[in-house]
Structures are given as C-alpha cells and as structure tokens.
C-alpha cells in the first residue's frame, strides 16, 4: 500500500534574546551567575532553566509605567 504523505521540512528555531537580570535584584543576579557557570560547563539545559527563571521572576511595578 503506497504512503500518501510528504516529508516535512522544519525551519531552524528563531533565536530568543537572553534575558537581562534586573538591576539590584539578588535573585536575578544569582540566576545570571548560575547561567554563566552552566554555560562554562556546557550545560545548556541549566542555562535555559536560568533564563526562564529570570524572565518569570516577579518584580514590583515601577512608577511611571
């Protein structure tokens, strides 16, 4: 029986910029340090996890926003 499907060509994922830690935030600074250490060891999974935590870490709203 012949197959009626064609090959799928996937595109390269769009690169997402790495999040910047918020100034004067100890949690963000710690995650940025862990991210750098993980990258130095070639541990991309931990580096990505740190990026997610930096992005999701809540900060109080600033005046004028």
C-alpha atoms as a PDB file:
ATOM      1  CA  UNK A   1       0.000   0.000   0.000  1.00  0.00           C
ATOM      2  CA  UNK A   2       1.560   3.371  -1.020  1.00  0.00           C
ATOM      3  CA  UNK A   3       2.011   6.129   1.540  1.00  0.00           C
ATOM      4  CA  UNK A   4       0.244   9.411   0.851  1.00  0.00           C
ATOM      5  CA  UNK A   5       2.449  11.678   2.896  1.00  0.00           C
ATOM      6  CA  UNK A   6       5.296  14.008   2.005  1.00  0.00           C
ATOM      7  CA  UNK A   7       8.409  14.821   4.020  1.00  0.00           C
ATOM      8  CA  UNK A   8       8.210  17.752   6.399  1.00  0.00           C
ATOM      9  CA  UNK A   9      10.981  20.346   6.343  1.00  0.00           C
ATOM     10  CA  UNK A  10      11.402  22.070   9.687  1.00  0.00           C
ATOM     11  CA  UNK A  11      12.915  25.539   9.908  1.00  0.00           C
ATOM     12  CA  UNK A  12      15.598  26.489  12.401  1.00  0.00           C
ATOM     13  CA  UNK A  13      14.058  27.946  15.559  1.00  0.00           C
ATOM     14  CA  UNK A  14      14.026  31.710  15.896  1.00  0.00           C
ATOM     15  CA  UNK A  15      16.705  32.748  18.396  1.00  0.00           C
ATOM     16  CA  UNK A  16      15.298  34.318  21.553  1.00  0.00           C
ATOM     17  CA  UNK A  17      17.443  37.011  23.169  1.00  0.00           C
ATOM     18  CA  UNK A  18      18.818  36.120  26.564  1.00  0.00           C
ATOM     19  CA  UNK A  19      17.052  37.999  29.380  1.00  0.00           C
ATOM     20  CA  UNK A  20      18.982  40.653  31.269  1.00  0.00           C
ATOM     21  CA  UNK A  21      18.865  40.404  35.070  1.00  0.00           C
ATOM     22  CA  UNK A  22      17.019  43.279  36.729  1.00  0.00           C
ATOM     23  CA  UNK A  23      19.412  45.715  38.415  1.00  0.00           C
ATOM     24  CA  UNK A  24      19.575  45.469  42.213  1.00  0.00           C
ATOM     25  CA  UNK A  25      17.731  42.119  42.272  1.00  0.00           C
ATOM     26  CA  UNK A  26      19.653  39.461  44.198  1.00  0.00           C
ATOM     27  CA  UNK A  27      17.583  36.617  42.720  1.00  0.00           C
ATOM     28  CA  UNK A  28      18.227  37.725  39.127  1.00  0.00           C
ATOM     29  CA  UNK A  29      21.930  38.215  39.867  1.00  0.00           C
ATOM     30  CA  UNK A  30      22.184  34.719  41.370  1.00  0.00           C
ATOM     31  CA  UNK A  31      20.442  33.147  38.362  1.00  0.00           C
ATOM     32  CA  UNK A  32      22.706  35.055  35.970  1.00  0.00           C
ATOM     33  CA  UNK A  33      25.735  33.681  37.836  1.00  0.00           C
ATOM     34  CA  UNK A  34      24.344  30.151  37.695  1.00  0.00           C
ATOM     35  CA  UNK A  35      23.628  30.609  33.990  1.00  0.00           C
ATOM     36  CA  UNK A  36      27.232  31.678  33.314  1.00  0.00           C
ATOM     37  CA  UNK A  37      28.595  28.726  35.301  1.00  0.00           C
ATOM     38  CA  UNK A  38      26.312  26.306  33.464  1.00  0.00           C
ATOM     39  CA  UNK A  39      27.383  27.683  30.077  1.00  0.00           C
ATOM     40  CA  UNK A  40      31.050  27.326  31.077  1.00  0.00           C
ATOM     41  CA  UNK A  41      30.401  23.637  31.794  1.00  0.00           C
ATOM     42  CA  UNK A  42      28.429  23.171  28.569  1.00  0.00           C
ATOM     43  CA  UNK A  43      25.193  22.567  30.493  1.00  0.00           C
ATOM     44  CA  UNK A  44      22.679  24.205  28.153  1.00  0.00           C
ATOM     45  CA  UNK A  45      19.667  22.750  29.979  1.00  0.00           C
ATOM     46  CA  UNK A  46      20.514  24.529  33.215  1.00  0.00           C
ATOM     47  CA  UNK A  47      21.372  27.727  31.332  1.00  0.00           C
ATOM     48  CA  UNK A  48      17.947  27.681  29.671  1.00  0.00           C
ATOM     49  CA  UNK A  49      16.254  26.992  33.016  1.00  0.00           C
ATOM     50  CA  UNK A  50      18.014  30.039  34.487  1.00  0.00           C
ATOM     51  CA  UNK A  51      16.813  32.166  31.558  1.00  0.00           C
ATOM     52  CA  UNK A  52      13.233  31.060  32.198  1.00  0.00           C
ATOM     53  CA  UNK A  53      13.520  31.868  35.903  1.00  0.00           C
ATOM     54  CA  UNK A  54      14.977  35.322  35.167  1.00  0.00           C
ATOM     55  CA  UNK A  55      12.116  36.063  32.741  1.00  0.00           C
ATOM     56  CA  UNK A  56       9.412  34.871  35.139  1.00  0.00           C
ATOM     57  CA  UNK A  57      10.808  36.345  38.367  1.00  0.00           C
ATOM     58  CA  UNK A  58       8.292  38.929  39.618  1.00  0.00           C
ATOM     59  CA  UNK A  59       9.403  42.486  40.303  1.00  0.00           C
ATOM     60  CA  UNK A  60       7.376  45.365  41.706  1.00  0.00           C
ATOM     61  CA  UNK A  61       5.966  47.748  39.133  1.00  0.00           C
ATOM     62  CA  UNK A  62       7.990  50.935  38.761  1.00  0.00           C
ATOM     63  CA  UNK A  63       6.483  54.400  38.953  1.00  0.00           C
ATOM     64  CA  UNK A  64       5.531  55.872  35.595  1.00  0.00           C
ATOM     65  CA  UNK A  65       4.851  52.578  33.836  1.00  0.00           C
END
